[in-house]
Amino acid sequence: MRVDAMKQRKSWREKLAEDKGLPRVETITARMSARWGRGTVVIPAPLEVDALMRQVPKGRLTTLNEIRSSLARKHGATIGCPITTGIFAWIAAHAAAECEAEGQAAMTPYWRTLKAGGELNPKYPGGIAQLRARLEAEGHRVIQRGKRHFVAGFEDVLFALA
């Protein structure tokens, strides 16, 4: 296969910058309403999720649910889409790791964004070990319950997102 015929893989930062017509507010369909209720759902742009993750200062935390709530308020929607918000947080985390690998200082502090209930996201770069080290370096205590890891008392240090 010729080199010029091979498709170049996009960087995480390129994926983060793709908005694909987002954000968009849509009516919650009948199929989705059993799980999410009635009203509207905002499907955010990846950079919106990244911008909210960047707001969280050292020593403070947020959750994907907090990000979803902030996005819903911003766009006048009933809820923020849990699927795309999670995917875009994951992309933002990998884009930040890409920046860090290149020596860039200003990056998204993805380790400060937790799953529901204060759970660490094992799909973030470096996995649980790196997330734990970063969080403990900022003064948080990480506990293990079964195979899952949580920040103890995360509710007390939640950062209010705009």
N, C-alpha and C. Protein backbone atom coordinates (compact mmCIF):
# COMPACT_ATOMS: atom_id res chain seq x y z
N MET A 1 0.84 -1.17 0.00
CA MET A 1 0.00 0.00 0.00
C MET A 1 0.89 1.24 0.00
N ARG A 2 0.53 2.20 -0.80
CA ARG A 2 1.30 3.45 -0.87
C ARG A 2 1.07 4.27 0.38
N VAL A 3 2.12 4.96 0.82
CA VAL A 3 2.05 5.78 2.03
C VAL A 3 1.00 6.88 1.89
N ASP A 4 0.95 7.54 0.70
CA ASP A 4 0.00 8.63 0.53
C ASP A 4 -1.45 8.13 0.50
N ALA A 5 -1.64 6.84 0.25
CA ALA A 5 -2.99 6.28 0.22
C ALA A 5 -3.46 5.90 1.62
N MET A 6 -2.51 5.80 2.56
CA MET A 6 -2.89 5.44 3.93
C MET A 6 -3.52 6.63 4.63
N LYS A 7 -4.59 6.37 5.30
CA LYS A 7 -5.26 7.45 6.02
C LYS A 7 -4.51 7.74 7.31
N GLN A 8 -4.21 9.01 7.56
CA GLN A 8 -3.53 9.41 8.77
C GLN A 8 -4.51 9.37 9.94
N ARG A 9 -4.07 8.83 11.04
CA ARG A 9 -4.90 8.78 12.23
C ARG A 9 -4.93 10.17 12.86
N LYS A 10 -6.12 10.61 13.28
CA LYS A 10 -6.27 11.92 13.90
C LYS A 10 -5.70 11.91 15.30
N SER A 11 -5.11 13.02 15.68
CA SER A 11 -4.63 13.16 17.05
C SER A 11 -5.84 13.37 17.96
N TRP A 12 -5.62 13.19 19.27
CA TRP A 12 -6.69 13.43 20.23
C TRP A 12 -7.11 14.89 20.19
N ARG A 13 -6.17 15.79 20.00
CA ARG A 13 -6.50 17.22 19.93
C ARG A 13 -7.34 17.54 18.70
N GLU A 14 -7.08 16.86 17.60
CA GLU A 14 -7.91 17.05 16.41
C GLU A 14 -9.33 16.54 16.66
N LYS A 15 -9.44 15.40 17.34
CA LYS A 15 -10.76 14.87 17.67
C LYS A 15 -11.51 15.82 18.61
N LEU A 16 -10.80 16.42 19.55
CA LEU A 16 -11.40 17.35 20.49
C LEU A 16 -11.92 18.60 19.77
N ALA A 17 -11.22 19.03 18.73
CA ALA A 17 -11.59 20.25 18.02
C ALA A 17 -12.75 20.05 17.04
N GLU A 18 -13.11 18.81 16.72
CA GLU A 18 -14.21 18.55 15.79
C GLU A 18 -15.54 18.78 16.48
N ASP A 19 -16.34 19.69 15.95
CA ASP A 19 -17.62 19.93 16.62
C ASP A 19 -18.79 19.20 15.96
N LYS A 20 -18.64 18.80 14.71
CA LYS A 20 -19.66 18.03 14.00
C LYS A 20 -21.07 18.60 14.17
N GLY A 21 -21.18 19.93 14.11
CA GLY A 21 -22.50 20.56 14.22
C GLY A 21 -23.03 20.64 15.64
N LEU A 22 -22.18 20.41 16.61
CA LEU A 22 -22.60 20.45 18.02
C LEU A 22 -22.18 21.78 18.63
N PRO A 23 -22.82 22.24 19.66
CA PRO A 23 -23.87 21.59 20.45
C PRO A 23 -25.22 21.64 19.74
N ARG A 24 -26.09 20.74 20.19
CA ARG A 24 -27.43 20.64 19.62
C ARG A 24 -28.39 20.21 20.73
N VAL A 25 -29.54 20.84 20.78
CA VAL A 25 -30.57 20.46 21.75
C VAL A 25 -31.67 19.75 20.99
N GLU A 26 -32.03 18.56 21.49
CA GLU A 26 -33.05 17.75 20.84
C GLU A 26 -34.10 17.31 21.85
N THR A 27 -35.27 16.99 21.36
CA THR A 27 -36.33 16.46 22.21
C THR A 27 -35.97 15.03 22.59
N ILE A 28 -36.20 14.68 23.84
CA ILE A 28 -35.96 13.31 24.29
C ILE A 28 -37.01 12.43 23.63
N THR A 29 -36.56 11.42 22.91
CA THR A 29 -37.48 10.54 22.18
C THR A 29 -38.24 9.62 23.13
N ALA A 30 -39.30 9.03 22.63
CA ALA A 30 -40.10 8.11 23.45
C ALA A 30 -39.24 6.96 23.97
N ARG A 31 -38.34 6.47 23.14
CA ARG A 31 -37.47 5.36 23.54
C ARG A 31 -36.52 5.76 24.67
N MET A 32 -36.01 6.98 24.59
CA MET A 32 -35.07 7.47 25.60
C MET A 32 -35.79 7.92 26.87
N SER A 33 -37.07 8.25 26.78
CA SER A 33 -37.78 8.83 27.92
C SER A 33 -37.93 7.86 29.09
N ALA A 34 -37.93 6.57 28.84
CA ALA A 34 -38.03 5.60 29.93
C ALA A 34 -36.84 5.74 30.87
N ARG A 35 -35.70 6.07 30.33
CA ARG A 35 -34.49 6.19 31.14
C ARG A 35 -34.23 7.62 31.61
N TRP A 36 -34.51 8.61 30.75
CA TRP A 36 -34.13 9.99 31.02
C TRP A 36 -35.30 10.91 31.31
N GLY A 37 -36.52 10.44 31.20
CA GLY A 37 -37.68 11.30 31.42
C GLY A 37 -38.02 12.08 30.16
N ARG A 38 -38.86 13.08 30.35
CA ARG A 38 -39.30 13.89 29.21
C ARG A 38 -38.58 15.22 29.20
N GLY A 39 -38.60 15.84 28.04
CA GLY A 39 -37.98 17.16 27.90
C GLY A 39 -36.98 17.18 26.76
N THR A 40 -35.85 17.86 27.01
CA THR A 40 -34.83 18.01 25.97
C THR A 40 -33.47 17.58 26.50
N VAL A 41 -32.62 17.19 25.57
CA VAL A 41 -31.26 16.77 25.89
C VAL A 41 -30.30 17.60 25.06
N VAL A 42 -29.24 18.10 25.69
CA VAL A 42 -28.21 18.81 24.94
C VAL A 42 -27.09 17.82 24.64
N ILE A 43 -26.73 17.79 23.38
CA ILE A 43 -25.57 17.01 22.94
C ILE A 43 -24.46 18.05 22.79
N PRO A 44 -23.50 18.06 23.73
CA PRO A 44 -22.50 19.13 23.75
C PRO A 44 -21.45 18.98 22.67
N ALA A 45 -20.73 20.05 22.45
CA ALA A 45 -19.54 20.00 21.59
C ALA A 45 -18.38 19.53 22.47
N PRO A 46 -17.43 18.80 21.91
CA PRO A 46 -16.31 18.30 22.70
C PRO A 46 -15.55 19.41 23.45
N LEU A 47 -15.34 20.55 22.80
CA LEU A 47 -14.60 21.63 23.45
C LEU A 47 -15.36 22.24 24.63
N GLU A 48 -16.70 22.13 24.63
CA GLU A 48 -17.48 22.60 25.78
C GLU A 48 -17.20 21.75 27.01
N VAL A 49 -17.14 20.45 26.81
CA VAL A 49 -16.84 19.54 27.92
C VAL A 49 -15.43 19.82 28.43
N ASP A 50 -14.49 19.96 27.51
CA ASP A 50 -13.11 20.26 27.88
C ASP A 50 -13.02 21.57 28.67
N ALA A 51 -13.73 22.59 28.23
CA ALA A 51 -13.69 23.90 28.90
C ALA A 51 -14.19 23.79 30.34
N LEU A 52 -15.22 23.01 30.58
CA LEU A 52 -15.72 22.82 31.95
C LEU A 52 -14.71 22.05 32.79
N MET A 53 -14.09 21.04 32.22
CA MET A 53 -13.08 20.27 32.94
C MET A 53 -11.89 21.16 33.32
N ARG A 54 -11.56 22.11 32.48
CA ARG A 54 -10.43 23.03 32.73
C ARG A 54 -10.70 24.00 33.88
N GLN A 55 -11.97 24.23 34.19
CA GLN A 55 -12.33 25.18 35.26
C GLN A 55 -12.00 24.66 36.65
N VAL A 56 -11.87 23.36 36.82
CA VAL A 56 -11.73 22.77 38.15
C VAL A 56 -10.32 23.02 38.69
N PRO A 57 -10.21 23.80 39.78
CA PRO A 57 -8.89 24.13 40.32
C PRO A 57 -8.29 22.99 41.14
N LYS A 58 -7.00 23.11 41.37
CA LYS A 58 -6.27 22.13 42.18
C LYS A 58 -6.95 21.99 43.55
N GLY A 59 -7.09 20.75 43.99
CA GLY A 59 -7.71 20.47 45.29
C GLY A 59 -9.21 20.31 45.23
N ARG A 60 -9.82 20.62 44.09
CA ARG A 60 -11.26 20.51 43.93
C ARG A 60 -11.57 19.45 42.89
N LEU A 61 -12.81 19.01 42.82
CA LEU A 61 -13.22 17.94 41.91
C LEU A 61 -14.56 18.26 41.27
N THR A 62 -14.86 17.56 40.20
CA THR A 62 -16.19 17.59 39.60
C THR A 62 -16.53 16.17 39.16
N THR A 63 -17.76 15.98 38.75
CA THR A 63 -18.19 14.68 38.23
C THR A 63 -18.78 14.89 36.84
N LEU A 64 -18.90 13.81 36.11
CA LEU A 64 -19.54 13.90 34.80
C LEU A 64 -20.98 14.39 34.94
N ASN A 65 -21.66 14.00 36.01
CA ASN A 65 -23.03 14.46 36.23
C ASN A 65 -23.08 15.97 36.45
N GLU A 66 -22.09 16.52 37.17
CA GLU A 66 -22.02 17.97 37.37
C GLU A 66 -21.80 18.67 36.03
N ILE A 67 -20.95 18.12 35.20
CA ILE A 67 -20.70 18.69 33.87
C ILE A 67 -21.98 18.66 33.04
N ARG A 68 -22.69 17.54 33.08
CA ARG A 68 -23.95 17.41 32.34
C ARG A 68 -24.97 18.44 32.81
N SER A 69 -25.06 18.65 34.12
CA SER A 69 -26.00 19.63 34.67
C SER A 69 -25.64 21.04 34.21
N SER A 70 -24.36 21.36 34.22
CA SER A 70 -23.90 22.67 33.77
C SER A 70 -24.24 22.89 32.30
N LEU A 71 -24.01 21.88 31.48
CA LEU A 71 -24.33 21.98 30.06
C LEU A 71 -25.82 22.15 29.82
N ALA A 72 -26.64 21.43 30.58
CA ALA A 72 -28.10 21.55 30.44
C ALA A 72 -28.55 22.97 30.80
N ARG A 73 -28.00 23.51 31.89
CA ARG A 73 -28.35 24.89 32.28
C ARG A 73 -27.95 25.88 31.18
N LYS A 74 -26.75 25.73 30.68
CA LYS A 74 -26.23 26.65 29.66
C LYS A 74 -27.11 26.67 28.41
N HIS A 75 -27.61 25.49 28.02
CA HIS A 75 -28.36 25.39 26.77
C HIS A 75 -29.88 25.34 26.97
N GLY A 76 -30.32 25.50 28.22
CA GLY A 76 -31.76 25.48 28.49
C GLY A 76 -32.40 24.14 28.21
N ALA A 77 -31.64 23.07 28.43
CA ALA A 77 -32.15 21.71 28.19
C ALA A 77 -32.49 21.05 29.52
N THR A 78 -33.27 20.01 29.46
CA THR A 78 -33.63 19.26 30.66
C THR A 78 -32.43 18.51 31.21
N ILE A 79 -31.66 17.88 30.32
CA ILE A 79 -30.48 17.11 30.73
C ILE A 79 -29.35 17.30 29.71
N GLY A 80 -28.14 16.96 30.15
CA GLY A 80 -26.99 16.87 29.26
C GLY A 80 -26.83 15.40 28.89
N CYS A 81 -26.50 15.11 27.67
CA CYS A 81 -26.38 13.73 27.21
C CYS A 81 -25.26 12.99 27.95
N PRO A 82 -25.61 11.92 28.66
CA PRO A 82 -24.59 11.17 29.40
C PRO A 82 -23.59 10.46 28.50
N ILE A 83 -24.02 10.02 27.36
CA ILE A 83 -23.14 9.25 26.47
C ILE A 83 -22.08 10.15 25.85
N THR A 84 -22.52 11.22 25.18
CA THR A 84 -21.54 12.08 24.52
C THR A 84 -20.68 12.84 25.53
N THR A 85 -21.24 13.22 26.66
CA THR A 85 -20.44 13.92 27.67
C THR A 85 -19.31 13.02 28.15
N GLY A 86 -19.61 11.75 28.39
CA GLY A 86 -18.58 10.80 28.82
C GLY A 86 -17.53 10.58 27.75
N ILE A 87 -17.97 10.44 26.53
CA ILE A 87 -17.02 10.23 25.42
C ILE A 87 -16.13 11.46 25.25
N PHE A 88 -16.72 12.65 25.32
CA PHE A 88 -15.93 13.87 25.11
C PHE A 88 -14.98 14.13 26.28
N ALA A 89 -15.35 13.74 27.49
CA ALA A 89 -14.43 13.84 28.63
C ALA A 89 -13.24 12.92 28.41
N TRP A 90 -13.50 11.73 27.90
CA TRP A 90 -12.45 10.75 27.60
C TRP A 90 -11.51 11.30 26.53
N ILE A 91 -12.07 11.92 25.48
CA ILE A 91 -11.26 12.51 24.42
C ILE A 91 -10.42 13.67 24.99
N ALA A 92 -11.04 14.50 25.84
CA ALA A 92 -10.33 15.62 26.46
C ALA A 92 -9.16 15.12 27.30
N ALA A 93 -9.37 14.02 28.02
CA ALA A 93 -8.32 13.43 28.85
C ALA A 93 -7.15 12.97 27.99
N HIS A 94 -7.44 12.31 26.90
CA HIS A 94 -6.38 11.82 26.02
C HIS A 94 -5.68 12.97 25.29
N ALA A 95 -6.43 14.02 24.94
CA ALA A 95 -5.81 15.20 24.33
C ALA A 95 -4.85 15.86 25.32
N ALA A 96 -5.25 15.91 26.59
CA ALA A 96 -4.38 16.49 27.63
C ALA A 96 -3.11 15.66 27.79
N ALA A 97 -3.25 14.35 27.78
CA ALA A 97 -2.08 13.47 27.90
C ALA A 97 -1.15 13.66 26.70
N GLU A 98 -1.73 13.88 25.53
CA GLU A 98 -0.96 14.14 24.33
C GLU A 98 -0.16 15.44 24.50
N CYS A 99 -0.81 16.48 25.04
CA CYS A 99 -0.13 17.76 25.30
C CYS A 99 1.00 17.57 26.31
N GLU A 100 0.70 16.84 27.37
CA GLU A 100 1.70 16.61 28.42
C GLU A 100 2.92 15.87 27.86
N ALA A 101 2.68 14.89 26.99
CA ALA A 101 3.77 14.12 26.39
C ALA A 101 4.68 15.01 25.54
N GLU A 102 4.10 16.08 25.02
CA GLU A 102 4.87 17.02 24.19
C GLU A 102 5.45 18.15 25.01
N GLY A 103 5.27 18.09 26.34
CA GLY A 103 5.86 19.09 27.23
C GLY A 103 5.07 20.36 27.41
N GLN A 104 3.84 20.38 26.98
CA GLN A 104 3.01 21.57 27.14
C GLN A 104 2.49 21.63 28.57
N ALA A 105 2.63 22.78 29.20
CA ALA A 105 2.24 22.93 30.61
C ALA A 105 0.74 23.09 30.78
N ALA A 106 0.10 23.89 29.95
CA ALA A 106 -1.34 24.14 30.09
C ALA A 106 -2.13 22.97 29.50
N MET A 107 -2.69 22.18 30.37
CA MET A 107 -3.48 21.04 29.91
C MET A 107 -4.71 20.87 30.78
N THR A 108 -5.67 20.13 30.29
CA THR A 108 -6.90 19.85 31.04
C THR A 108 -6.60 18.91 32.19
N PRO A 109 -6.95 19.29 33.43
CA PRO A 109 -6.70 18.41 34.58
C PRO A 109 -7.78 17.32 34.68
N TYR A 110 -7.73 16.38 33.77
CA TYR A 110 -8.76 15.36 33.63
C TYR A 110 -8.94 14.49 34.88
N TRP A 111 -7.90 14.33 35.68
CA TRP A 111 -7.97 13.49 36.87
C TRP A 111 -8.94 14.06 37.91
N ARG A 112 -9.30 15.34 37.75
CA ARG A 112 -10.23 15.98 38.68
C ARG A 112 -11.69 15.76 38.29
N THR A 113 -11.93 15.10 37.15
CA THR A 113 -13.29 14.78 36.71
C THR A 113 -13.56 13.31 36.98
N LEU A 114 -14.51 13.08 37.89
CA LEU A 114 -14.83 11.73 38.34
C LEU A 114 -16.14 11.24 37.73
N LYS A 115 -16.33 9.95 37.80
CA LYS A 115 -17.60 9.37 37.42
C LYS A 115 -18.59 9.59 38.57
N ALA A 116 -19.81 9.17 38.40
CA ALA A 116 -20.83 9.31 39.45
C ALA A 116 -20.36 8.64 40.74
N GLY A 117 -20.71 9.24 41.85
CA GLY A 117 -20.36 8.67 43.15
C GLY A 117 -18.90 8.85 43.53
N GLY A 118 -18.16 9.66 42.77
CA GLY A 118 -16.76 9.92 43.08
C GLY A 118 -15.80 8.84 42.59
N GLU A 119 -16.25 8.04 41.65
CA GLU A 119 -15.41 6.94 41.13
C GLU A 119 -14.39 7.44 40.12
N LEU A 120 -13.18 6.90 40.22
CA LEU A 120 -12.13 7.20 39.24
C LEU A 120 -12.47 6.50 37.93
N ASN A 121 -12.10 7.14 36.82
CA ASN A 121 -12.38 6.58 35.51
C ASN A 121 -11.16 5.80 35.01
N PRO A 122 -11.22 4.47 35.03
CA PRO A 122 -10.06 3.67 34.63
C PRO A 122 -9.69 3.80 33.15
N LYS A 123 -10.57 4.41 32.36
CA LYS A 123 -10.29 4.59 30.93
C LYS A 123 -9.49 5.84 30.63
N TYR A 124 -9.26 6.68 31.65
CA TYR A 124 -8.43 7.86 31.45
C TYR A 124 -6.98 7.44 31.30
N PRO A 125 -6.15 8.28 30.65
CA PRO A 125 -4.74 7.94 30.45
C PRO A 125 -4.03 7.61 31.77
N GLY A 126 -3.22 6.58 31.73
CA GLY A 126 -2.47 6.16 32.92
C GLY A 126 -3.24 5.23 33.83
N GLY A 127 -4.54 5.08 33.59
CA GLY A 127 -5.35 4.18 34.40
C GLY A 127 -5.43 4.62 35.86
N ILE A 128 -5.90 3.71 36.68
CA ILE A 128 -6.13 3.99 38.10
C ILE A 128 -4.85 4.41 38.82
N ALA A 129 -3.74 3.78 38.54
CA ALA A 129 -2.49 4.08 39.25
C ALA A 129 -2.09 5.55 39.07
N GLN A 130 -2.13 6.04 37.85
CA GLN A 130 -1.75 7.43 37.60
C GLN A 130 -2.79 8.40 38.16
N LEU A 131 -4.06 8.08 38.02
CA LEU A 131 -5.11 8.94 38.56
C LEU A 131 -4.97 9.05 40.07
N ARG A 132 -4.75 7.93 40.71
CA ARG A 132 -4.60 7.89 42.17
C ARG A 132 -3.42 8.78 42.60
N ALA A 133 -2.30 8.63 41.92
CA ALA A 133 -1.11 9.41 42.26
C ALA A 133 -1.36 10.91 42.11
N ARG A 134 -2.02 11.30 41.02
CA ARG A 134 -2.31 12.72 40.79
C ARG A 134 -3.28 13.27 41.85
N LEU A 135 -4.31 12.50 42.15
CA LEU A 135 -5.31 12.94 43.13
C LEU A 135 -4.71 13.01 44.54
N GLU A 136 -3.93 12.01 44.90
CA GLU A 136 -3.30 12.02 46.23
C GLU A 136 -2.29 13.16 46.34
N ALA A 137 -1.62 13.50 45.25
CA ALA A 137 -0.68 14.62 45.26
C ALA A 137 -1.40 15.95 45.52
N GLU A 138 -2.70 15.99 45.22
CA GLU A 138 -3.50 17.19 45.45
C GLU A 138 -4.25 17.12 46.78
N GLY A 139 -3.96 16.10 47.58
CA GLY A 139 -4.54 16.03 48.92
C GLY A 139 -5.78 15.18 49.07
N HIS A 140 -6.18 14.47 48.04
CA HIS A 140 -7.37 13.61 48.12
C HIS A 140 -6.97 12.22 48.59
N ARG A 141 -7.93 11.53 49.19
CA ARG A 141 -7.71 10.16 49.63
C ARG A 141 -8.53 9.22 48.73
N VAL A 142 -7.85 8.28 48.10
CA VAL A 142 -8.50 7.33 47.21
C VAL A 142 -8.68 6.01 47.94
N ILE A 143 -9.90 5.49 47.89
CA ILE A 143 -10.20 4.21 48.53
C ILE A 143 -10.67 3.21 47.48
N GLN A 144 -10.47 1.95 47.78
CA GLN A 144 -10.87 0.89 46.87
C GLN A 144 -12.04 0.13 47.46
N ARG A 145 -13.05 -0.10 46.62
CA ARG A 145 -14.20 -0.93 46.99
C ARG A 145 -14.33 -1.99 45.91
N GLY A 146 -13.94 -3.20 46.25
CA GLY A 146 -13.91 -4.25 45.23
C GLY A 146 -12.85 -3.90 44.21
N LYS A 147 -13.25 -3.87 42.94
CA LYS A 147 -12.30 -3.52 41.88
C LYS A 147 -12.35 -2.04 41.52
N ARG A 148 -13.27 -1.31 42.14
CA ARG A 148 -13.45 0.10 41.80
C ARG A 148 -12.76 1.01 42.83
N HIS A 149 -12.39 2.21 42.37
CA HIS A 149 -11.68 3.18 43.21
C HIS A 149 -12.47 4.49 43.27
N PHE A 150 -12.52 5.09 44.47
CA PHE A 150 -13.31 6.29 44.71
C PHE A 150 -12.49 7.30 45.49
N VAL A 151 -12.84 8.58 45.35
CA VAL A 151 -12.25 9.62 46.19
C VAL A 151 -13.14 9.74 47.42
N ALA A 152 -12.55 9.52 48.58
CA ALA A 152 -13.28 9.62 49.84
C ALA A 152 -13.67 11.08 50.08
N GLY A 153 -14.93 11.30 50.42
CA GLY A 153 -15.40 12.65 50.72
C GLY A 153 -15.39 13.59 49.54
N PHE A 154 -15.52 13.08 48.35
CA PHE A 154 -15.46 13.93 47.16
C PHE A 154 -16.53 15.03 47.17
N GLU A 155 -17.67 14.73 47.81
CA GLU A 155 -18.78 15.70 47.85
C GLU A 155 -18.34 17.01 48.52
N ASP A 156 -17.42 16.90 49.47
CA ASP A 156 -16.98 18.08 50.22
C ASP A 156 -16.10 19.02 49.41
N VAL A 157 -15.56 18.55 48.31
CA VAL A 157 -14.66 19.38 47.50
C VAL A 157 -15.15 19.56 46.07
N LEU A 158 -16.46 19.35 45.85
CA LEU A 158 -17.01 19.56 44.52
C LEU A 158 -16.92 21.03 44.16
N PHE A 159 -16.53 21.27 42.93
CA PHE A 159 -16.40 22.63 42.41
C PHE A 159 -17.68 23.00 41.67
N ALA A 160 -18.24 24.17 41.97
CA ALA A 160 -19.45 24.63 41.30
C ALA A 160 -19.09 25.14 39.91
N LEU A 161 -19.58 24.44 38.90
CA LEU A 161 -19.31 24.82 37.51
C LEU A 161 -20.27 25.91 37.07
N ALA A 162 -19.81 26.75 36.19
CA ALA A 162 -20.64 27.85 35.68
C ALA A 162 -21.77 27.31 34.83
